[in-house]
């Protein structure tokens, strides 16, 4: 679970840097001013190699058990001879380069543009040692890179304006262009996400027996809830801001960012799990997911199928009711916290419904 936190925070760092840099390049009258400065981005970037170091340290400790040279020698071996260690060393170098660009380049536009280019290198470095690249070579690395860029751009701008905005000015001008960017990002995220899912997963339903499959399922369910908040924060709030320019959507965007942070944590957990590309072999090496054993009523076996029943249909209807309640919370009560609570109940109901639909193949 530690990797869910450290890798999740790593994605937050990428997002803040990408979102903050992008906003800094736009005209002042089209954005909401934030407290994010060059110093903020340098400090955020400094956390990248620290957060990314945990798997490297764990690997060095594991190797040290089989040699007598000491932990430092094992760490040095990982850095020089293992791909993930080499990628981490590249992250350290690129992070220092990013900090130097932010600190030394005087021209604002040039500094932030250079920073974005270096961040692309950082994200590409992580992608080439990810699951998709290992399974599908260059195509997998490209899909992962584009997916992560789209996620971090959308999430980064959202995090920047919802948590770091200075004032309540320019919401209307900002919402006008950000709505269309969010829609484009969601389409891109969905497309690249599906490519990676089918690349890494032998069988969607059968993968639910494994920890990776359970995390992927929860991620997809949370994404459904996220889409509803994105619709509210895009189209409905856009209309509300047009009618009342003084209206601040900040609290609703913060609610959406909470779901994004949960998805980041789940994604961080998935990066350290074995993908279900050969489910039977994986089950021979590790136990089935605790969540699957708790909520599914079928025995562990290599092949499962999706077969809805009366119980699962009840939970699907219940999930639909609470998803609809999110809109009610926006329209009738203007309660972002209430909408978030409805989303949590809907996610749980949908999860139980899907687990109740699993049967042997």
Protein backbone atom coordinates (compact mmCIF):
# COMPACT_ATOMS: atom_id res chain seq x y z
CA UNK A 1 0.00 0.00 0.00
CA UNK A 2 3.01 2.28 0.43
CA UNK A 3 3.45 2.39 -3.35
CA UNK A 4 -0.17 3.49 -3.78
CA UNK A 5 0.74 6.60 -1.79
CA UNK A 6 4.24 7.29 -3.16
CA UNK A 7 3.37 6.62 -6.80
CA UNK A 8 0.07 8.46 -6.41
CA UNK A 9 1.94 11.52 -5.10
CA UNK A 10 4.36 11.15 -8.00
CA UNK A 11 1.44 11.62 -10.42
CA UNK A 12 0.33 14.64 -8.39
CA UNK A 13 3.79 16.16 -8.83
CA UNK A 14 3.67 15.59 -12.59
CA UNK A 15 0.21 17.14 -12.73
CA UNK A 16 1.06 20.25 -10.73
CA UNK A 17 4.18 20.90 -12.81
CA UNK A 18 2.37 20.34 -16.12
CA UNK A 19 -0.77 22.25 -15.13
CA UNK A 20 1.11 25.11 -13.49
CA UNK A 21 3.53 25.52 -16.41
CA UNK A 22 0.77 25.39 -19.00
CA UNK A 23 -1.28 28.06 -17.20
CA UNK A 24 1.79 30.29 -16.94
CA UNK A 25 2.06 30.34 -20.75
CA UNK A 26 -1.52 31.52 -21.31
CA UNK A 27 -2.78 35.13 -21.44
CA UNK A 28 -3.57 36.52 -17.99
CA UNK A 29 -7.15 37.44 -18.90
CA UNK A 30 -8.03 33.83 -19.80
CA UNK A 31 -6.91 32.11 -16.59
CA UNK A 32 -7.57 32.16 -12.88
CA UNK A 33 -4.47 33.38 -11.05
CA UNK A 34 -2.82 30.81 -8.80
CA UNK A 35 -0.14 30.85 -6.12
CA UNK A 36 2.00 28.44 -8.15
CA UNK A 37 5.37 30.04 -8.93
CA UNK A 38 8.68 28.85 -10.32
CA UNK A 39 9.80 28.12 -6.76
CA UNK A 40 6.69 25.98 -6.24
CA UNK A 41 7.51 23.96 -9.36
CA UNK A 42 11.15 23.50 -8.32
CA UNK A 43 10.12 22.20 -4.89
CA UNK A 44 7.50 19.94 -6.48
CA UNK A 45 10.05 18.57 -8.95
CA UNK A 46 12.45 17.82 -6.08
CA UNK A 47 9.95 15.27 -4.76
CA UNK A 48 9.96 13.29 -8.04
CA UNK A 49 13.24 11.36 -7.56
CA UNK A 50 12.49 10.95 -3.84
CA UNK A 51 9.08 9.39 -4.42
CA UNK A 52 10.37 7.30 -7.33
CA UNK A 53 13.26 5.96 -5.22
CA UNK A 54 11.21 3.63 -3.00
CA UNK A 55 11.02 0.70 -5.48
CA UNK A 56 14.72 1.18 -6.26
CA UNK A 57 15.66 1.00 -2.58
CA UNK A 58 13.48 -2.08 -2.09
CA UNK A 59 15.15 -3.78 -5.06
CA UNK A 60 18.61 -2.90 -3.70
CA UNK A 61 17.68 -4.39 -0.31
CA UNK A 62 16.47 -7.58 -1.99
CA UNK A 63 19.71 -7.91 -4.01
CA UNK A 64 21.79 -7.18 -0.91
CA UNK A 65 20.50 -10.38 0.69
CA UNK A 66 22.36 -12.40 -1.96
CA UNK A 67 25.70 -10.61 -1.85
CA UNK A 68 28.15 -9.39 0.79
CA UNK A 69 29.14 -6.03 -0.66
CA UNK A 70 26.74 -3.93 1.38
CA UNK A 71 23.59 -1.99 0.60
CA UNK A 72 25.41 0.87 -1.15
CA UNK A 73 27.04 -1.55 -3.59
CA UNK A 74 23.66 -3.18 -4.25
CA UNK A 75 22.12 0.23 -4.88
CA UNK A 76 24.96 1.06 -7.27
CA UNK A 77 24.36 -2.25 -9.08
CA UNK A 78 20.66 -1.43 -9.53
CA UNK A 79 21.49 2.02 -10.93
CA UNK A 80 24.02 0.70 -13.44
CA UNK A 81 22.66 -2.69 -14.49
CA UNK A 82 18.87 -2.78 -14.05
CA UNK A 83 16.53 -0.85 -16.34
CA UNK A 84 14.36 0.59 -13.56
CA UNK A 85 17.47 1.83 -11.75
CA UNK A 86 18.79 3.43 -14.91
CA UNK A 87 15.42 5.12 -15.42
CA UNK A 88 15.58 6.49 -11.87
CA UNK A 89 19.06 7.91 -12.51
CA UNK A 90 17.66 9.60 -15.63
CA UNK A 91 14.84 11.05 -13.50
CA UNK A 92 17.38 12.54 -11.10
CA UNK A 93 19.28 14.15 -13.98
CA UNK A 94 16.12 15.50 -15.66
CA UNK A 95 14.82 16.85 -12.36
CA UNK A 96 18.07 18.77 -11.78
CA UNK A 97 17.83 20.04 -15.36
CA UNK A 98 14.26 21.19 -14.75
CA UNK A 99 15.26 23.03 -11.56
CA UNK A 100 18.17 24.70 -13.38
CA UNK A 101 15.88 25.84 -16.21
CA UNK A 102 13.34 27.30 -13.78
CA UNK A 103 16.04 29.07 -11.78
CA UNK A 104 18.42 30.30 -14.47
CA UNK A 105 16.27 31.20 -17.50
CA UNK A 106 15.07 34.77 -17.06
CA UNK A 107 12.44 34.93 -19.81
CA UNK A 108 9.18 33.59 -18.33
CA UNK A 109 7.83 32.01 -21.50
CA UNK A 110 11.13 30.35 -22.37
CA UNK A 111 11.55 29.01 -18.83
CA UNK A 112 8.12 27.39 -18.67
CA UNK A 113 8.29 26.05 -22.23
CA UNK A 114 11.69 24.50 -21.48
CA UNK A 115 10.29 23.07 -18.26
CA UNK A 116 7.41 21.44 -20.15
CA UNK A 117 9.86 19.89 -22.62
CA UNK A 118 11.93 18.45 -19.75
CA UNK A 119 8.79 17.15 -18.05
CA UNK A 120 7.92 15.32 -21.26
CA UNK A 121 11.30 13.60 -20.95
CA UNK A 122 10.54 12.69 -17.32
CA UNK A 123 7.16 11.16 -18.23
CA UNK A 124 8.68 9.34 -21.22
CA UNK A 125 11.40 7.94 -18.95
CA UNK A 126 8.79 6.48 -16.61
CA UNK A 127 6.75 5.14 -19.51
CA UNK A 128 9.59 3.13 -21.06
CA UNK A 129 9.90 1.01 -17.91
CA UNK A 130 6.14 0.68 -17.35
CA UNK A 131 3.98 -2.41 -17.89
CA UNK A 132 2.76 -1.28 -21.32
CA UNK A 133 6.28 -0.83 -22.68
CA UNK A 134 7.37 -4.22 -21.34
CA UNK A 135 4.37 -5.94 -22.93
CA UNK A 136 4.07 -4.00 -26.20
CA UNK A 137 7.46 -2.33 -26.72
CA UNK A 138 7.33 1.08 -28.45
CA UNK A 139 3.58 1.03 -29.01
CA UNK A 140 3.00 0.38 -25.30
CA UNK A 141 5.44 3.11 -24.26
CA UNK A 142 3.78 5.57 -26.64
CA UNK A 143 0.28 4.74 -25.34
CA UNK A 144 1.45 5.10 -21.74
CA UNK A 145 3.19 8.42 -22.45
CA UNK A 146 0.20 9.96 -24.25
CA UNK A 147 -2.20 8.63 -21.60
CA UNK A 148 -0.15 10.09 -18.74
CA UNK A 149 0.28 13.43 -20.51
CA UNK A 150 -3.47 13.79 -21.08
CA UNK A 151 -4.26 12.81 -17.49
CA UNK A 152 -1.66 15.14 -15.95
CA UNK A 153 -2.63 18.10 -18.14
CA UNK A 154 -6.32 17.83 -17.25
CA UNK A 155 -5.71 16.98 -13.60
CA UNK A 156 -2.90 19.50 -13.23
CA UNK A 157 -4.97 22.46 -14.38
CA UNK A 158 -7.88 21.28 -12.22
CA UNK A 159 -5.67 20.90 -9.13
CA UNK A 160 -3.99 24.26 -9.74
CA UNK A 161 -7.17 26.34 -10.00
CA UNK A 162 -9.21 24.45 -7.38
CA UNK A 163 -6.59 24.38 -4.61
CA UNK A 164 -4.14 27.20 -5.46
CA UNK A 165 -6.27 29.97 -7.01
CA UNK A 166 -5.64 33.47 -5.62
CA UNK A 167 -9.02 35.04 -6.26
CA UNK A 168 -12.46 34.54 -7.84
CA UNK A 169 -11.80 36.51 -11.05
CA UNK A 170 -11.88 35.30 -14.66
CA UNK A 171 -13.87 32.13 -13.94
CA UNK A 172 -16.06 32.66 -17.00
CA UNK A 173 -13.14 33.16 -19.39
CA UNK A 174 -11.30 30.20 -17.88
CA UNK A 175 -14.25 27.79 -17.93
CA UNK A 176 -14.94 28.61 -21.60
CA UNK A 177 -11.68 27.12 -22.89
CA UNK A 178 -11.02 24.58 -20.13
CA UNK A 179 -14.33 22.78 -20.77
CA UNK A 180 -13.28 21.90 -24.30
CA UNK A 181 -9.78 20.91 -23.19
CA UNK A 182 -11.27 18.63 -20.53
CA UNK A 183 -13.53 16.95 -23.10
CA UNK A 184 -10.61 16.40 -25.48
CA UNK A 185 -8.48 15.03 -22.62
CA UNK A 186 -11.21 12.61 -21.52
CA UNK A 187 -11.61 11.25 -25.06
CA UNK A 188 -7.85 10.81 -25.33
CA UNK A 189 -7.57 9.24 -21.87
CA UNK A 190 -10.36 6.78 -22.66
CA UNK A 191 -8.86 5.78 -26.02
CA UNK A 192 -5.31 5.24 -24.75
CA UNK A 193 -6.61 3.63 -21.56
CA UNK A 194 -8.53 1.02 -23.55
CA UNK A 195 -5.43 0.27 -25.63
CA UNK A 196 -3.38 -0.34 -22.49
CA UNK A 197 -6.14 -2.38 -20.83
CA UNK A 198 -6.44 -4.81 -23.74
CA UNK A 199 -2.66 -4.94 -24.10
CA UNK A 200 -2.06 -5.90 -20.48
CA UNK A 201 -5.14 -7.98 -19.71
CA UNK A 202 -5.81 -11.51 -20.93
CA UNK A 203 -9.45 -11.43 -19.80
CA UNK A 204 -11.19 -8.46 -18.20
CA UNK A 205 -13.58 -10.46 -16.00
CA UNK A 206 -11.10 -13.20 -15.05
CA UNK A 207 -8.51 -10.55 -14.13
CA UNK A 208 -10.76 -9.52 -11.24
CA UNK A 209 -9.38 -12.50 -9.29
CA UNK A 210 -6.00 -10.74 -9.12
CA UNK A 211 -4.98 -7.62 -7.22
CA UNK A 212 -4.15 -5.82 -10.47
CA UNK A 213 -7.56 -6.68 -11.93
CA UNK A 214 -9.38 -5.51 -8.80
CA UNK A 215 -7.47 -2.21 -8.86
CA UNK A 216 -8.25 -1.78 -12.56
CA UNK A 217 -11.95 -2.46 -11.91
CA UNK A 218 -12.10 0.12 -9.09
CA UNK A 219 -10.23 2.59 -11.29
CA UNK A 220 -12.77 2.17 -14.09
CA UNK A 221 -15.72 2.53 -11.72
CA UNK A 222 -14.23 5.68 -10.21
CA UNK A 223 -13.69 6.97 -13.74
CA UNK A 224 -17.46 6.69 -14.34
CA UNK A 225 -18.09 8.87 -11.27
CA UNK A 226 -15.35 11.23 -12.45
CA UNK A 227 -17.06 11.61 -15.83
CA UNK A 228 -20.25 12.79 -14.10
CA UNK A 229 -18.35 15.39 -12.09
CA UNK A 230 -16.53 16.43 -15.28
CA UNK A 231 -19.89 16.90 -17.01
CA UNK A 232 -21.16 19.02 -14.11
CA UNK A 233 -17.94 21.01 -13.83
CA UNK A 234 -17.77 21.49 -17.56
CA UNK A 235 -21.16 22.02 -19.12
CA UNK A 236 -23.49 22.71 -16.17
CA UNK A 237 -21.11 24.98 -14.30
CA UNK A 238 -20.17 26.67 -17.57
CA UNK A 239 -23.82 27.60 -17.99
CA UNK A 240 -24.05 28.71 -14.35
CA UNK A 241 -20.96 30.92 -14.65
CA UNK A 242 -22.39 32.51 -17.81
CA UNK A 243 -25.60 33.33 -15.94
CA UNK A 244 -23.77 34.47 -12.80
CA UNK A 245 -20.14 35.51 -13.48
CA UNK A 246 -19.44 35.91 -9.74
CA UNK A 247 -20.19 32.20 -9.12
CA UNK A 248 -17.10 30.23 -8.04
CA UNK A 249 -16.93 26.56 -9.07
CA UNK A 250 -13.90 25.97 -6.86
CA UNK A 251 -15.61 23.67 -4.32
CA UNK A 252 -17.04 21.48 -7.10
CA UNK A 253 -13.67 21.19 -8.78
CA UNK A 254 -12.12 20.25 -5.47
CA UNK A 255 -14.66 17.43 -5.19
CA UNK A 256 -13.67 16.24 -8.66
CA UNK A 257 -10.00 16.44 -7.71
CA UNK A 258 -10.64 14.10 -4.75
CA UNK A 259 -11.76 11.40 -7.18
CA UNK A 260 -8.71 12.09 -9.34
CA UNK A 261 -6.43 11.65 -6.31
CA UNK A 262 -8.08 8.30 -5.52
CA UNK A 263 -7.52 7.17 -9.11
CA UNK A 264 -3.88 8.28 -8.85
CA UNK A 265 -3.41 6.16 -5.71
CA UNK A 266 -5.00 3.10 -7.34
CA UNK A 267 -2.82 3.59 -10.43
CA UNK A 268 0.22 3.87 -8.17
CA UNK A 269 -0.71 0.54 -6.57
CA UNK A 270 -1.11 -1.07 -10.00
CA UNK A 271 2.39 -0.09 -11.13
CA UNK A 272 3.89 -2.51 -8.59
CA UNK A 273 1.52 -5.42 -9.38
CA UNK A 274 1.90 -8.07 -12.07
CA UNK A 275 -0.48 -7.43 -14.98
CA UNK A 276 -2.98 -10.24 -15.74
CA UNK A 277 -1.54 -11.15 -19.13
CA UNK A 278 -1.42 -14.83 -18.09
CA UNK A 279 -3.96 -15.27 -15.30
CA UNK A 280 -3.47 -18.99 -14.70
CA UNK A 281 0.30 -18.64 -14.26
CA UNK A 282 -0.15 -15.64 -11.97
CA UNK A 283 -2.61 -17.55 -9.77
CA UNK A 284 -0.02 -20.32 -9.43
CA UNK A 285 2.51 -17.81 -8.10
CA UNK A 286 0.33 -15.61 -5.88
CA UNK A 287 -2.94 -15.69 -3.98
CA UNK A 288 -6.15 -14.33 -5.40
CA UNK A 289 -7.18 -10.82 -4.38
CA UNK A 290 -8.58 -10.48 -0.86
CA UNK A 291 -11.31 -8.23 -2.24
CA UNK A 292 -12.35 -10.85 -4.78
CA UNK A 293 -12.44 -13.58 -2.14
CA UNK A 294 -14.52 -11.33 0.11
CA UNK A 295 -17.14 -10.04 -2.33
CA UNK A 296 -17.36 -12.70 -5.06
CA UNK A 297 -19.28 -15.93 -4.45
CA UNK A 298 -17.43 -18.05 -7.00
CA UNK A 299 -14.43 -20.33 -6.52
CA UNK A 300 -11.01 -19.34 -7.80
CA UNK A 301 -10.46 -20.72 -11.31
CA UNK A 302 -8.67 -19.57 -14.48
CA UNK A 303 -11.79 -18.60 -16.45
CA UNK A 304 -14.74 -16.50 -15.24
CA UNK A 305 -17.64 -14.96 -17.13
CA UNK A 306 -19.94 -12.01 -16.59
CA UNK A 307 -23.53 -13.18 -15.98
CA UNK A 308 -25.84 -10.62 -14.31
CA UNK A 309 -28.56 -11.92 -11.97
CA UNK A 310 -31.36 -10.41 -9.89
CA UNK A 311 -29.02 -9.46 -7.04
CA UNK A 312 -26.53 -7.74 -9.35
CA UNK A 313 -29.34 -5.95 -11.22
CA UNK A 314 -30.59 -4.60 -7.88
CA UNK A 315 -27.15 -3.12 -7.14
CA UNK A 316 -26.86 -1.72 -10.69
CA UNK A 317 -30.19 0.07 -10.23
CA UNK A 318 -29.05 1.29 -6.82
CA UNK A 319 -25.81 2.59 -8.35
CA UNK A 320 -27.79 4.37 -11.06
CA UNK A 321 -29.99 6.00 -8.42
CA UNK A 322 -27.02 7.39 -6.49
CA UNK A 323 -25.28 8.51 -9.69
CA UNK A 324 -28.43 10.44 -10.59
CA UNK A 325 -28.40 11.86 -7.05
CA UNK A 326 -25.11 13.58 -7.88
CA UNK A 327 -27.01 15.82 -10.32
CA UNK A 328 -29.73 16.38 -7.73
CA UNK A 329 -27.08 17.56 -5.26
CA UNK A 330 -25.86 20.05 -7.84
CA UNK A 331 -29.25 21.30 -9.06
CA UNK A 332 -31.26 21.38 -5.82
CA UNK A 333 -28.77 21.76 -2.98
CA UNK A 334 -25.51 22.93 -4.57
CA UNK A 335 -23.70 20.53 -2.22
CA UNK A 336 -20.38 19.27 -3.57
CA UNK A 337 -19.74 17.26 -0.40
CA UNK A 338 -23.17 15.63 -0.70
CA UNK A 339 -22.48 14.82 -4.36
CA UNK A 340 -19.15 13.27 -3.40
CA UNK A 341 -20.90 11.12 -0.78
CA UNK A 342 -23.43 9.98 -3.42
CA UNK A 343 -20.53 9.10 -5.73
CA UNK A 344 -18.88 6.94 -3.04
CA UNK A 345 -22.12 5.00 -2.45
CA UNK A 346 -22.67 4.63 -6.21
CA UNK A 347 -19.13 3.31 -6.71
CA UNK A 348 -19.59 0.76 -3.91
CA UNK A 349 -23.01 -0.34 -5.27
CA UNK A 350 -21.67 -0.75 -8.79
CA UNK A 351 -18.69 -2.71 -7.48
CA UNK A 352 -20.93 -5.10 -5.52
CA UNK A 353 -23.16 -5.48 -8.57
CA UNK A 354 -20.21 -6.45 -10.76
CA UNK A 355 -18.82 -8.85 -8.17
CA UNK A 356 -22.27 -10.47 -7.88
CA UNK A 357 -22.34 -11.01 -11.64
CA UNK A 358 -19.21 -13.17 -11.77
CA UNK A 359 -19.67 -16.91 -12.35
CA UNK A 360 -17.56 -19.80 -13.58
CA UNK A 361 -16.89 -20.09 -17.31
